Amino acid sequence: MTMGELRDSREAVRWLEEGQRQLPVLAGLVHENERLRGRLEMSESECEKLRGLVYEVEQLRDRSETAERLGDRLREQLNSAEAELERQNRERTELAERLTDFMNDVLVRLRPRPSVAAEAA
């Protein structure tokens, strides 16, 4: 065996020994890779669920904003109706007062007046 062959043989043995020491590390890396893939799949599944929840939240927010706008419009309509009712009540009160004054005038005119002869006596 020549010196080169001996050195090549020793190097091959050293590589085999190092390879055997590296096999557990490599197996650990493969296992870690499988574990990380599983976690990735779980994370992706959870992310998909969260996307669904985000969509639902957005839908609820839109409904809430629509309900708030509707509530605002209904409050405006109610305020307008209350103002109209108050105006009509004032008009009715004024009309009742004028009608009362008118009826009082009519009653005063319809009362019999004392005659001039009765006043002289």
PDB file of N, CA and C in Angstrom:
ATOM      1  N   MET A   1       0.833  -1.156   0.000  1.00  0.00           N
ATOM      2  CA  MET A   1       0.000   0.000   0.000  1.00  0.00           C
ATOM      3  C   MET A   1       0.889   1.234   0.000  1.00  0.00           C
ATOM      4  N   THR A   2       0.600   2.135  -0.809  1.00  0.00           N
ATOM      5  CA  THR A   2       1.409   3.343  -0.898  1.00  0.00           C
ATOM      6  C   THR A   2       0.927   4.344   0.129  1.00  0.00           C
ATOM      7  N   MET A   3       1.731   5.327   0.275  1.00  0.00           N
ATOM      8  CA  MET A   3       1.435   6.368   1.248  1.00  0.00           C
ATOM      9  C   MET A   3       0.139   7.105   0.892  1.00  0.00           C
ATOM     10  N   GLY A   4      -0.091   7.327  -0.351  1.00  0.00           N
ATOM     11  CA  GLY A   4      -1.303   8.005  -0.795  1.00  0.00           C
ATOM     12  C   GLY A   4      -2.533   7.154  -0.531  1.00  0.00           C
ATOM     13  N   GLU A   5      -2.389   5.846  -0.778  1.00  0.00           N
ATOM     14  CA  GLU A   5      -3.515   4.949  -0.549  1.00  0.00           C
ATOM     15  C   GLU A   5      -3.842   4.864   0.938  1.00  0.00           C
ATOM     16  N   LEU A   6      -2.769   4.850   1.759  1.00  0.00           N
ATOM     17  CA  LEU A   6      -2.956   4.787   3.201  1.00  0.00           C
ATOM     18  C   LEU A   6      -3.669   6.044   3.702  1.00  0.00           C
ATOM     19  N   ARG A   7      -3.193   7.144   3.201  1.00  0.00           N
ATOM     20  CA  ARG A   7      -3.841   8.408   3.596  1.00  0.00           C
ATOM     21  C   ARG A   7      -5.285   8.436   3.118  1.00  0.00           C
ATOM     22  N   ASP A   8      -5.571   8.004   1.919  1.00  0.00           N
ATOM     23  CA  ASP A   8      -6.936   7.953   1.399  1.00  0.00           C
ATOM     24  C   ASP A   8      -7.792   6.996   2.228  1.00  0.00           C
ATOM     25  N   SER A   9      -7.206   5.895   2.641  1.00  0.00           N
ATOM     26  CA  SER A   9      -7.918   4.921   3.443  1.00  0.00           C
ATOM     27  C   SER A   9      -8.248   5.492   4.815  1.00  0.00           C
ATOM     28  N   ARG A  10      -7.269   6.178   5.423  1.00  0.00           N
ATOM     29  CA  ARG A  10      -7.521   6.804   6.727  1.00  0.00           C
ATOM     30  C   ARG A  10      -8.594   7.894   6.604  1.00  0.00           C
ATOM     31  N   GLU A  11      -8.521   8.652   5.539  1.00  0.00           N
ATOM     32  CA  GLU A  11      -9.508   9.713   5.336  1.00  0.00           C
ATOM     33  C   GLU A  11     -10.902   9.115   5.147  1.00  0.00           C
ATOM     34  N   ALA A  12     -10.989   8.027   4.438  1.00  0.00           N
ATOM     35  CA  ALA A  12     -12.278   7.373   4.228  1.00  0.00           C
ATOM     36  C   ALA A  12     -12.830   6.866   5.562  1.00  0.00           C
ATOM     37  N   VAL A  13     -11.967   6.283   6.405  1.00  0.00           N
ATOM     38  CA  VAL A  13     -12.399   5.805   7.719  1.00  0.00           C
ATOM     39  C   VAL A  13     -12.866   6.988   8.557  1.00  0.00           C
ATOM     40  N   ARG A  14     -12.094   8.074   8.529  1.00  0.00           N
ATOM     41  CA  ARG A  14     -12.467   9.261   9.302  1.00  0.00           C
ATOM     42  C   ARG A  14     -13.815   9.806   8.821  1.00  0.00           C
ATOM     43  N   TRP A  15     -14.052   9.826   7.516  1.00  0.00           N
ATOM     44  CA  TRP A  15     -15.331  10.306   6.988  1.00  0.00           C
ATOM     45  C   TRP A  15     -16.482   9.384   7.417  1.00  0.00           C
ATOM     46  N   LEU A  16     -16.232   8.102   7.416  1.00  0.00           N
ATOM     47  CA  LEU A  16     -17.259   7.155   7.845  1.00  0.00           C
ATOM     48  C   LEU A  16     -17.597   7.362   9.322  1.00  0.00           C
ATOM     49  N   GLU A  17     -16.536   7.541  10.140  1.00  0.00           N
ATOM     50  CA  GLU A  17     -16.758   7.766  11.569  1.00  0.00           C
ATOM     51  C   GLU A  17     -17.533   9.070  11.791  1.00  0.00           C
ATOM     52  N   GLU A  18     -17.122  10.111  11.070  1.00  0.00           N
ATOM     53  CA  GLU A  18     -17.842  11.399  11.199  1.00  0.00           C
ATOM     54  C   GLU A  18     -19.273  11.260  10.696  1.00  0.00           C
ATOM     55  N   GLY A  19     -19.446  10.508   9.626  1.00  0.00           N
ATOM     56  CA  GLY A  19     -20.789  10.287   9.081  1.00  0.00           C
ATOM     57  C   GLY A  19     -21.673   9.574  10.084  1.00  0.00           C
ATOM     58  N   GLN A  20     -21.096   8.594  10.790  1.00  0.00           N
ATOM     59  CA  GLN A  20     -21.874   7.875  11.793  1.00  0.00           C
ATOM     60  C   GLN A  20     -22.242   8.785  12.958  1.00  0.00           C
ATOM     61  N   ARG A  21     -21.334   9.702  13.311  1.00  0.00           N
ATOM     62  CA  ARG A  21     -21.664  10.664  14.376  1.00  0.00           C
ATOM     63  C   ARG A  21     -22.713  11.662  13.897  1.00  0.00           C
ATOM     64  N   GLN A  22     -22.723  11.949  12.608  1.00  0.00           N
ATOM     65  CA  GLN A  22     -23.670  12.932  12.065  1.00  0.00           C
ATOM     66  C   GLN A  22     -25.063  12.346  11.825  1.00  0.00           C
ATOM     67  N   LEU A  23     -25.169  11.017  11.725  1.00  0.00           N
ATOM     68  CA  LEU A  23     -26.464  10.384  11.467  1.00  0.00           C
ATOM     69  C   LEU A  23     -27.497  10.734  12.537  1.00  0.00           C
ATOM     70  N   PRO A  24     -27.190  10.673  13.832  1.00  0.00           N
ATOM     71  CA  PRO A  24     -28.205  11.064  14.824  1.00  0.00           C
ATOM     72  C   PRO A  24     -28.623  12.532  14.674  1.00  0.00           C
ATOM     73  N   VAL A  25     -27.641  13.373  14.353  1.00  0.00           N
ATOM     74  CA  VAL A  25     -27.962  14.796  14.147  1.00  0.00           C
ATOM     75  C   VAL A  25     -28.891  14.935  12.951  1.00  0.00           C
ATOM     76  N   LEU A  26     -28.587  14.224  11.883  1.00  0.00           N
ATOM     77  CA  LEU A  26     -29.417  14.273  10.680  1.00  0.00           C
ATOM     78  C   LEU A  26     -30.814  13.718  10.979  1.00  0.00           C
ATOM     79  N   ALA A  27     -30.888  12.631  11.713  1.00  0.00           N
ATOM     80  CA  ALA A  27     -32.182  12.064  12.081  1.00  0.00           C
ATOM     81  C   ALA A  27     -32.964  13.066  12.938  1.00  0.00           C
ATOM     82  N   GLY A  28     -32.272  13.747  13.843  1.00  0.00           N
ATOM     83  CA  GLY A  28     -32.917  14.779  14.656  1.00  0.00           C
ATOM     84  C   GLY A  28     -33.457  15.916  13.806  1.00  0.00           C
ATOM     85  N   LEU A  29     -32.678  16.304  12.809  1.00  0.00           N
ATOM     86  CA  LEU A  29     -33.124  17.367  11.910  1.00  0.00           C
ATOM     87  C   LEU A  29     -34.351  16.944  11.106  1.00  0.00           C
ATOM     88  N   VAL A  30     -34.355  15.681  10.654  1.00  0.00           N
ATOM     89  CA  VAL A  30     -35.508  15.176   9.908  1.00  0.00           C
ATOM     90  C   VAL A  30     -36.738  15.189  10.820  1.00  0.00           C
ATOM     91  N   HIS A  31     -36.554  14.694  12.058  1.00  0.00           N
ATOM     92  CA  HIS A  31     -37.661  14.696  13.017  1.00  0.00           C
ATOM     93  C   HIS A  31     -38.148  16.126  13.288  1.00  0.00           C
ATOM     94  N   GLU A  32     -37.204  17.042  13.496  1.00  0.00           N
ATOM     95  CA  GLU A  32     -37.552  18.448  13.745  1.00  0.00           C
ATOM     96  C   GLU A  32     -38.292  19.041  12.549  1.00  0.00           C
ATOM     97  N   ASN A  33     -37.864  18.689  11.356  1.00  0.00           N
ATOM     98  CA  ASN A  33     -38.522  19.164  10.138  1.00  0.00           C
ATOM     99  C   ASN A  33     -39.966  18.661  10.090  1.00  0.00           C
ATOM    100  N   GLU A  34     -40.184  17.384  10.410  1.00  0.00           N
ATOM    101  CA  GLU A  34     -41.543  16.818  10.421  1.00  0.00           C
ATOM    102  C   GLU A  34     -42.404  17.521  11.469  1.00  0.00           C
ATOM    103  N   ARG A  35     -41.811  17.750  12.654  1.00  0.00           N
ATOM    104  CA  ARG A  35     -42.548  18.427  13.720  1.00  0.00           C
ATOM    105  C   ARG A  35     -42.935  19.843  13.284  1.00  0.00           C
ATOM    106  N   LEU A  36     -41.999  20.550  12.670  1.00  0.00           N
ATOM    107  CA  LEU A  36     -42.270  21.919  12.214  1.00  0.00           C
ATOM    108  C   LEU A  36     -43.318  21.942  11.101  1.00  0.00           C
ATOM    109  N   ARG A  37     -43.301  20.942  10.240  1.00  0.00           N
ATOM    110  CA  ARG A  37     -44.323  20.860   9.187  1.00  0.00           C
ATOM    111  C   ARG A  37     -45.709  20.688   9.819  1.00  0.00           C
ATOM    112  N   GLY A  38     -45.777  19.832  10.839  1.00  0.00           N
ATOM    113  CA  GLY A  38     -47.049  19.645  11.542  1.00  0.00           C
ATOM    114  C   GLY A  38     -47.531  20.938  12.173  1.00  0.00           C
ATOM    115  N   ARG A  39     -46.616  21.658  12.808  1.00  0.00           N
ATOM    116  CA  ARG A  39     -46.986  22.937  13.418  1.00  0.00           C
ATOM    117  C   ARG A  39     -47.419  23.941  12.356  1.00  0.00           C
ATOM    118  N   LEU A  40     -46.731  23.924  11.215  1.00  0.00           N
ATOM    119  CA  LEU A  40     -47.089  24.819  10.118  1.00  0.00           C
ATOM    120  C   LEU A  40     -48.512  24.528   9.636  1.00  0.00           C
ATOM    121  N   GLU A  41     -48.836  23.246   9.475  1.00  0.00           N
ATOM    122  CA  GLU A  41     -50.183  22.883   9.046  1.00  0.00           C
ATOM    123  C   GLU A  41     -51.221  23.331  10.063  1.00  0.00           C
ATOM    124  N   MET A  42     -50.915  23.135  11.368  1.00  0.00           N
ATOM    125  CA  MET A  42     -51.843  23.590  12.407  1.00  0.00           C
ATOM    126  C   MET A  42     -51.986  25.108  12.358  1.00  0.00           C
ATOM    127  N   SER A  43     -50.873  25.803  12.173  1.00  0.00           N
ATOM    128  CA  SER A  43     -50.911  27.267  12.119  1.00  0.00           C
ATOM    129  C   SER A  43     -51.712  27.749  10.916  1.00  0.00           C
ATOM    130  N   GLU A  44     -51.520  27.084   9.785  1.00  0.00           N
ATOM    131  CA  GLU A  44     -52.278  27.461   8.591  1.00  0.00           C
ATOM    132  C   GLU A  44     -53.771  27.213   8.796  1.00  0.00           C
ATOM    133  N   SER A  45     -54.111  26.100   9.439  1.00  0.00           N
ATOM    134  CA  SER A  45     -55.511  25.801   9.722  1.00  0.00           C
ATOM    135  C   SER A  45     -56.097  26.849  10.668  1.00  0.00           C
ATOM    136  N   GLU A  46     -55.347  27.186  11.706  1.00  0.00           N
ATOM    137  CA  GLU A  46     -55.810  28.206  12.652  1.00  0.00           C
ATOM    138  C   GLU A  46     -55.942  29.558  11.963  1.00  0.00           C
ATOM    139  N   CYS A  47     -55.000  29.858  11.090  1.00  0.00           N
ATOM    140  CA  CYS A  47     -55.045  31.125  10.346  1.00  0.00           C
ATOM    141  C   CYS A  47     -56.306  31.175   9.489  1.00  0.00           C
ATOM    142  N   GLU A  48     -56.663  30.062   8.865  1.00  0.00           N
ATOM    143  CA  GLU A  48     -57.867  30.011   8.043  1.00  0.00           C
ATOM    144  C   GLU A  48     -59.111  30.235   8.900  1.00  0.00           C
ATOM    145  N   LYS A  49     -59.137  29.636  10.086  1.00  0.00           N
ATOM    146  CA  LYS A  49     -60.259  29.849  11.001  1.00  0.00           C
ATOM    147  C   LYS A  49     -60.332  31.320  11.405  1.00  0.00           C
ATOM    148  N   LEU A  50     -59.171  31.900  11.675  1.00  0.00           N
ATOM    149  CA  LEU A  50     -59.144  33.313  12.069  1.00  0.00           C
ATOM    150  C   LEU A  50     -59.615  34.207  10.933  1.00  0.00           C
ATOM    151  N   ARG A  51     -59.274  33.860   9.711  1.00  0.00           N
ATOM    152  CA  ARG A  51     -59.772  34.631   8.565  1.00  0.00           C
ATOM    153  C   ARG A  51     -61.298  34.599   8.533  1.00  0.00           C
ATOM    154  N   GLY A  52     -61.858  33.410   8.797  1.00  0.00           N
ATOM    155  CA  GLY A  52     -63.314  33.294   8.849  1.00  0.00           C
ATOM    156  C   GLY A  52     -63.895  34.166   9.946  1.00  0.00           C
ATOM    157  N   LEU A  53     -63.243  34.162  11.100  1.00  0.00           N
ATOM    158  CA  LEU A  53     -63.722  34.997  12.209  1.00  0.00           C
ATOM    159  C   LEU A  53     -63.604  36.478  11.878  1.00  0.00           C
ATOM    160  N   VAL A  54     -62.521  36.855  11.232  1.00  0.00           N
ATOM    161  CA  VAL A  54     -62.345  38.259  10.831  1.00  0.00           C
ATOM    162  C   VAL A  54     -63.470  38.656   9.879  1.00  0.00           C
ATOM    163  N   TYR A  55     -63.804  37.773   8.949  1.00  0.00           N
ATOM    164  CA  TYR A  55     -64.894  38.054   8.014  1.00  0.00           C
ATOM    165  C   TYR A  55     -66.205  38.242   8.779  1.00  0.00           C
ATOM    166  N   GLU A  56     -66.469  37.354   9.740  1.00  0.00           N
ATOM    167  CA  GLU A  56     -67.693  37.472  10.530  1.00  0.00           C
ATOM    168  C   GLU A  56     -67.715  38.777  11.317  1.00  0.00           C
ATOM    169  N   VAL A  57     -66.585  39.149  11.896  1.00  0.00           N
ATOM    170  CA  VAL A  57     -66.502  40.394  12.661  1.00  0.00           C
ATOM    171  C   VAL A  57     -66.771  41.583  11.745  1.00  0.00           C
ATOM    172  N   GLU A  58     -66.204  41.556  10.545  1.00  0.00           N
ATOM    173  CA  GLU A  58     -66.447  42.641   9.596  1.00  0.00           C
ATOM    174  C   GLU A  58     -67.925  42.722   9.231  1.00  0.00           C
ATOM    175  N   GLN A  59     -68.557  41.562   9.036  1.00  0.00           N
ATOM    176  CA  GLN A  59     -69.984  41.541   8.724  1.00  0.00           C
ATOM    177  C   GLN A  59     -70.791  42.126   9.885  1.00  0.00           C
ATOM    178  N   LEU A  60     -70.444  41.733  11.107  1.00  0.00           N
ATOM    179  CA  LEU A  60     -71.147  42.259  12.279  1.00  0.00           C
ATOM    180  C   LEU A  60     -70.927  43.756  12.432  1.00  0.00           C
ATOM    181  N   ARG A  61     -69.694  44.216  12.161  1.00  0.00           N
ATOM    182  CA  ARG A  61     -69.421  45.654  12.249  1.00  0.00           C
ATOM    183  C   ARG A  61     -70.252  46.405  11.222  1.00  0.00           C
ATOM    184  N   ASP A  62     -70.347  45.866  10.003  1.00  0.00           N
ATOM    185  CA  ASP A  62     -71.160  46.509   8.972  1.00  0.00           C
ATOM    186  C   ASP A  62     -72.629  46.567   9.401  1.00  0.00           C
ATOM    187  N   ARG A  63     -73.117  45.463   9.959  1.00  0.00           N
ATOM    188  CA  ARG A  63     -74.510  45.449  10.426  1.00  0.00           C
ATOM    189  C   ARG A  63     -74.706  46.457  11.554  1.00  0.00           C
ATOM    190  N   SER A  64     -73.736  46.522  12.442  1.00  0.00           N
ATOM    191  CA  SER A  64     -73.825  47.460  13.568  1.00  0.00           C
ATOM    192  C   SER A  64     -73.855  48.901  13.062  1.00  0.00           C
ATOM    193  N   GLU A  65     -72.986  49.211  12.098  1.00  0.00           N
ATOM    194  CA  GLU A  65     -72.964  50.570  11.551  1.00  0.00           C
ATOM    195  C   GLU A  65     -74.285  50.882  10.846  1.00  0.00           C
ATOM    196  N   THR A  66     -74.827  49.903  10.132  1.00  0.00           N
ATOM    197  CA  THR A  66     -76.116  50.096   9.462  1.00  0.00           C
ATOM    198  C   THR A  66     -77.213  50.341  10.495  1.00  0.00           C
ATOM    199  N   ALA A  67     -77.195  49.551  11.573  1.00  0.00           N
ATOM    200  CA  ALA A  67     -78.192  49.726  12.633  1.00  0.00           C
ATOM    201  C   ALA A  67     -78.046  51.091  13.304  1.00  0.00           C
ATOM    202  N   GLU A  68     -76.808  51.542  13.488  1.00  0.00           N
ATOM    203  CA  GLU A  68     -76.594  52.868  14.083  1.00  0.00           C
ATOM    204  C   GLU A  68     -77.137  53.961  13.174  1.00  0.00           C
ATOM    205  N   ARG A  69     -76.888  53.843  11.868  1.00  0.00           N
ATOM    206  CA  ARG A  69     -77.416  54.849  10.926  1.00  0.00           C
ATOM    207  C   ARG A  69     -78.939  54.833  10.931  1.00  0.00           C
ATOM    208  N   LEU A  70     -79.517  53.638  10.948  1.00  0.00           N
ATOM    209  CA  LEU A  70     -80.973  53.522  10.992  1.00  0.00           C
ATOM    210  C   LEU A  70     -81.505  54.130  12.285  1.00  0.00           C
ATOM    211  N   GLY A  71     -80.838  53.851  13.400  1.00  0.00           N
ATOM    212  CA  GLY A  71     -81.240  54.434  14.684  1.00  0.00           C
ATOM    213  C   GLY A  71     -81.174  55.946  14.647  1.00  0.00           C
ATOM    214  N   ASP A  72     -80.126  56.490  14.038  1.00  0.00           N
ATOM    215  CA  ASP A  72     -79.998  57.943  13.919  1.00  0.00           C
ATOM    216  C   ASP A  72     -81.152  58.523  13.099  1.00  0.00           C
ATOM    217  N   ARG A  73     -81.460  57.861  11.970  1.00  0.00           N
ATOM    218  CA  ARG A  73     -82.570  58.348  11.135  1.00  0.00           C
ATOM    219  C   ARG A  73     -83.895  58.275  11.883  1.00  0.00           C
ATOM    220  N   LEU A  74     -84.103  57.182  12.609  1.00  0.00           N
ATOM    221  CA  LEU A  74     -85.351  57.043  13.368  1.00  0.00           C
ATOM    222  C   LEU A  74     -85.444  58.092  14.475  1.00  0.00           C
ATOM    223  N   ARG A  75     -84.302  58.398  15.127  1.00  0.00           N
ATOM    224  CA  ARG A  75     -84.307  59.464  16.145  1.00  0.00           C
ATOM    225  C   ARG A  75     -84.656  60.801  15.518  1.00  0.00           C
ATOM    226  N   GLU A  76     -84.094  61.066  14.328  1.00  0.00           N
ATOM    227  CA  GLU A  76     -84.415  62.316  13.633  1.00  0.00           C
ATOM    228  C   GLU A  76     -85.902  62.377  13.297  1.00  0.00           C
ATOM    229  N   GLN A  77     -86.442  61.265  12.801  1.00  0.00           N
ATOM    230  CA  GLN A  77     -87.875  61.226  12.478  1.00  0.00           C
ATOM    231  C   GLN A  77     -88.723  61.423  13.729  1.00  0.00           C
ATOM    232  N   LEU A  78     -88.313  60.793  14.823  1.00  0.00           N
ATOM    233  CA  LEU A  78     -89.051  60.935  16.081  1.00  0.00           C
ATOM    234  C   LEU A  78     -89.004  62.383  16.551  1.00  0.00           C
ATOM    235  N   ASN A  79     -87.814  63.002  16.502  1.00  0.00           N
ATOM    236  CA  ASN A  79     -87.699  64.409  16.901  1.00  0.00           C
ATOM    237  C   ASN A  79     -88.572  65.298  16.028  1.00  0.00           C
ATOM    238  N   SER A  80     -88.589  65.010  14.736  1.00  0.00           N
ATOM    239  CA  SER A  80     -89.416  65.785  13.810  1.00  0.00           C
ATOM    240  C   SER A  80     -90.898  65.590  14.131  1.00  0.00           C
ATOM    241  N   ALA A  81     -91.287  64.345  14.393  1.00  0.00           N
ATOM    242  CA  ALA A  81     -92.688  64.064  14.722  1.00  0.00           C
ATOM    243  C   ALA A  81     -93.077  64.736  16.039  1.00  0.00           C
ATOM    244  N   GLU A  82     -92.179  64.713  17.023  1.00  0.00           N
ATOM    245  CA  GLU A  82     -92.470  65.364  18.303  1.00  0.00           C
ATOM    246  C   GLU A  82     -92.612  66.877  18.119  1.00  0.00           C
ATOM    247  N   ALA A  83     -91.743  67.466  17.287  1.00  0.00           N
ATOM    248  CA  ALA A  83     -91.835  68.905  17.026  1.00  0.00           C
ATOM    249  C   ALA A  83     -93.148  69.229  16.319  1.00  0.00           C
ATOM    250  N   GLU A  84     -93.538  68.394  15.368  1.00  0.00           N
ATOM    251  CA  GLU A  84     -94.803  68.599  14.652  1.00  0.00           C
ATOM    252  C   GLU A  84     -95.978  68.466  15.617  1.00  0.00           C
ATOM    253  N   LEU A  85     -95.928  67.476  16.496  1.00  0.00           N
ATOM    254  CA  LEU A  85     -96.997  67.292  17.475  1.00  0.00           C
ATOM    255  C   LEU A  85     -97.083  68.501  18.406  1.00  0.00           C
ATOM    256  N   GLU A  86     -95.946  69.005  18.831  1.00  0.00           N
ATOM    257  CA  GLU A  86     -95.927  70.188  19.705  1.00  0.00           C
ATOM    258  C   GLU A  86     -96.514  71.400  18.978  1.00  0.00           C
ATOM    259  N   ARG A  87     -96.170  71.568  17.701  1.00  0.00           N
ATOM    260  CA  ARG A  87     -96.718  72.673  16.910  1.00  0.00           C
ATOM    261  C   ARG A  87     -98.228  72.542  16.791  1.00  0.00           C
ATOM    262  N   GLN A  88     -98.707  71.331  16.510  1.00  0.00           N
ATOM    263  CA  GLN A  88    -100.145  71.108  16.380  1.00  0.00           C
ATOM    264  C   GLN A  88    -100.867  71.346  17.701  1.00  0.00           C
ATOM    265  N   ASN A  89    -100.252  70.951  18.806  1.00  0.00           N
ATOM    266  CA  ASN A  89    -100.857  71.202  20.128  1.00  0.00           C
ATOM    267  C   ASN A  89    -100.965  72.707  20.399  1.00  0.00           C
ATOM    268  N   ARG A  90     -99.913  73.463  20.035  1.00  0.00           N
ATOM    269  CA  ARG A  90     -99.973  74.925  20.214  1.00  0.00           C
ATOM    270  C   ARG A  90    -101.079  75.511  19.359  1.00  0.00           C
ATOM    271  N   GLU A  91    -101.192  75.067  18.108  1.00  0.00           N
ATOM    272  CA  GLU A  91    -102.248  75.564  17.226  1.00  0.00           C
ATOM    273  C   GLU A  91    -103.627  75.229  17.789  1.00  0.00           C
ATOM    274  N   ARG A  92    -103.787  74.007  18.288  1.00  0.00           N
ATOM    275  CA  ARG A  92    -105.071  73.604  18.858  1.00  0.00           C
ATOM    276  C   ARG A  92    -105.406  74.451  20.086  1.00  0.00           C
ATOM    277  N   THR A  93    -104.405  74.717  20.923  1.00  0.00           N
ATOM    278  CA  THR A  93    -104.633  75.559  22.104  1.00  0.00           C
ATOM    279  C   THR A  93    -105.016  76.964  21.678  1.00  0.00           C
ATOM    280  N   GLU A  94    -104.319  77.537  20.696  1.00  0.00           N
ATOM    281  CA  GLU A  94    -104.652  78.871  20.202  1.00  0.00           C
ATOM    282  C   GLU A  94    -106.053  78.891  19.611  1.00  0.00           C
ATOM    283  N   LEU A  95    -106.411  77.864  18.837  1.00  0.00           N
ATOM    284  CA  LEU A  95    -107.737  77.780  18.238  1.00  0.00           C
ATOM    285  C   LEU A  95    -108.812  77.675  19.321  1.00  0.00           C
ATOM    286  N   ALA A  96    -108.536  76.874  20.353  1.00  0.00           N
ATOM    287  CA  ALA A  96    -109.504  76.734  21.448  1.00  0.00           C
ATOM    288  C   ALA A  96    -109.687  78.065  22.165  1.00  0.00           C
ATOM    289  N   GLU A  97    -108.596  78.813  22.369  1.00  0.00           N
ATOM    290  CA  GLU A  97    -108.694  80.124  23.027  1.00  0.00           C
ATOM    291  C   GLU A  97    -109.494  81.096  22.168  1.00  0.00           C
ATOM    292  N   ARG A  98    -109.239  81.113  20.852  1.00  0.00           N
ATOM    293  CA  ARG A  98    -109.991  82.018  19.964  1.00  0.00           C
ATOM    294  C   ARG A  98    -111.461  81.624  19.901  1.00  0.00           C
ATOM    295  N   LEU A  99    -111.730  80.314  19.862  1.00  0.00           N
ATOM    296  CA  LEU A  99    -113.111  79.857  19.835  1.00  0.00           C
ATOM    297  C   LEU A  99    -113.822  80.238  21.130  1.00  0.00           C
ATOM    298  N   THR A 100    -113.115  80.120  22.252  1.00  0.00           N
ATOM    299  CA  THR A 100    -113.708  80.517  23.541  1.00  0.00           C
ATOM    300  C   THR A 100    -114.020  82.003  23.534  1.00  0.00           C
ATOM    301  N   ASP A 101    -113.084  82.836  23.065  1.00  0.00           N
ATOM    302  CA  ASP A 101    -113.322  84.285  22.993  1.00  0.00           C
ATOM    303  C   ASP A 101    -114.505  84.588  22.074  1.00  0.00           C
ATOM    304  N   PHE A 102    -114.573  83.906  20.930  1.00  0.00           N
ATOM    305  CA  PHE A 102    -115.662  84.116  19.982  1.00  0.00           C
ATOM    306  C   PHE A 102    -117.007  83.751  20.614  1.00  0.00           C
ATOM    307  N   MET A 103    -117.048  82.588  21.270  1.00  0.00           N
ATOM    308  CA  MET A 103    -118.296  82.152  21.895  1.00  0.00           C
ATOM    309  C   MET A 103    -118.716  83.115  23.014  1.00  0.00           C
ATOM    310  N   ASN A 104    -117.748  83.625  23.763  1.00  0.00           N
ATOM    311  CA  ASN A 104    -118.074  84.609  24.806  1.00  0.00           C
ATOM    312  C   ASN A 104    -118.695  85.860  24.181  1.00  0.00           C
ATOM    313  N   ASP A 105    -118.124  86.320  23.060  1.00  0.00           N
ATOM    314  CA  ASP A 105    -118.687  87.479  22.368  1.00  0.00           C
ATOM    315  C   ASP A 105    -120.105  87.184  21.882  1.00  0.00           C
ATOM    316  N   VAL A 106    -120.316  85.998  21.319  1.00  0.00           N
ATOM    317  CA  VAL A 106    -121.647  85.636  20.826  1.00  0.00           C
ATOM    318  C   VAL A 106    -122.636  85.607  21.983  1.00  0.00           C
ATOM    319  N   LEU A 107    -122.235  85.030  23.092  1.00  0.00           N
ATOM    320  CA  LEU A 107    -123.133  84.946  24.253  1.00  0.00           C
ATOM    321  C   LEU A 107    -123.477  86.335  24.790  1.00  0.00           C
ATOM    322  N   VAL A 108    -122.479  87.211  24.805  1.00  0.00           N
ATOM    323  CA  VAL A 108    -122.747  88.577  25.269  1.00  0.00           C
ATOM    324  C   VAL A 108    -123.757  89.226  24.341  1.00  0.00           C
ATOM    325  N   ARG A 109    -123.661  89.038  23.052  1.00  0.00           N
ATOM    326  CA  ARG A 109    -124.578  89.650  22.098  1.00  0.00           C
ATOM    327  C   ARG A 109    -125.965  89.011  22.159  1.00  0.00           C
ATOM    328  N   LEU A 110    -126.033  87.760  22.523  1.00  0.00           N
ATOM    329  CA  LEU A 110    -127.323  87.081  22.568  1.00  0.00           C
ATOM    330  C   LEU A 110    -128.085  87.346  23.863  1.00  0.00           C
ATOM    331  N   ARG A 111    -127.452  87.855  24.861  1.00  0.00           N
ATOM    332  CA  ARG A 111    -128.164  88.153  26.116  1.00  0.00           C
ATOM    333  C   ARG A 111    -129.165  89.268  25.859  1.00  0.00           C
ATOM    334  N   PRO A 112    -130.300  89.125  26.474  1.00  0.00           N
ATOM    335  CA  PRO A 112    -131.279  90.200  26.292  1.00  0.00           C
ATOM    336  C   PRO A 112    -130.775  91.475  26.972  1.00  0.00           C
ATOM    337  N   ARG A 113    -131.004  92.588  26.308  1.00  0.00           N
ATOM    338  CA  ARG A 113    -130.583  93.876  26.861  1.00  0.00           C
ATOM    339  C   ARG A 113    -131.746  94.480  27.615  1.00  0.00           C
ATOM    340  N   PRO A 114    -131.419  95.094  28.664  1.00  0.00           N
ATOM    341  CA  PRO A 114    -132.533  95.752  29.388  1.00  0.00           C
ATOM    342  C   PRO A 114    -133.132  96.849  28.511  1.00  0.00           C
ATOM    343  N   SER A 115    -134.386  96.930  28.544  1.00  0.00           N
ATOM    344  CA  SER A 115    -135.053  97.962  27.728  1.00  0.00           C
ATOM    345  C   SER A 115    -134.814  99.335  28.281  1.00  0.00           C
ATOM    346  N   VAL A 116    -135.029 100.346  27.486  1.00  0.00           N
ATOM    347  CA  VAL A 116    -134.807 101.737  27.880  1.00  0.00           C
ATOM    348  C   VAL A 116    -135.799 102.108  28.948  1.00  0.00           C
ATOM    349  N   ALA A 117    -137.040 101.614  28.878  1.00  0.00           N
ATOM    350  CA  ALA A 117    -138.065 101.927  29.869  1.00  0.00           C
ATOM    351  C   ALA A 117    -137.699 101.352  31.220  1.00  0.00           C
ATOM    352  N   ALA A 118    -137.145 100.147  31.205  1.00  0.00           N
ATOM    353  CA  ALA A 118    -136.782  99.520  32.460  1.00  0.00           C
ATOM    354  C   ALA A 118    -135.621 100.259  33.089  1.00  0.00           C
ATOM    355  N   GLU A 119    -134.784 100.843  32.280  1.00  0.00           N
ATOM    356  CA  GLU A 119    -133.649 101.577  32.816  1.00  0.00           C
ATOM    357  C   GLU A 119    -134.113 102.886  33.431  1.00  0.00           C
ATOM    358  N   ALA A 120    -135.164 103.513  32.862  1.00  0.00           N
ATOM    359  CA  ALA A 120    -135.659 104.786  33.349  1.00  0.00           C
ATOM    360  C   ALA A 120    -136.403 104.604  34.669  1.00  0.00           C
ATOM    361  N   ALA A 121    -136.942 103.552  34.918  1.00  0.00           N
ATOM    362  CA  ALA A 121    -137.745 103.386  36.122  1.00  0.00           C
ATOM    363  C   ALA A 121    -136.928 103.141  37.310  1.00  0.00           C
TER     364      ALA A 121
END
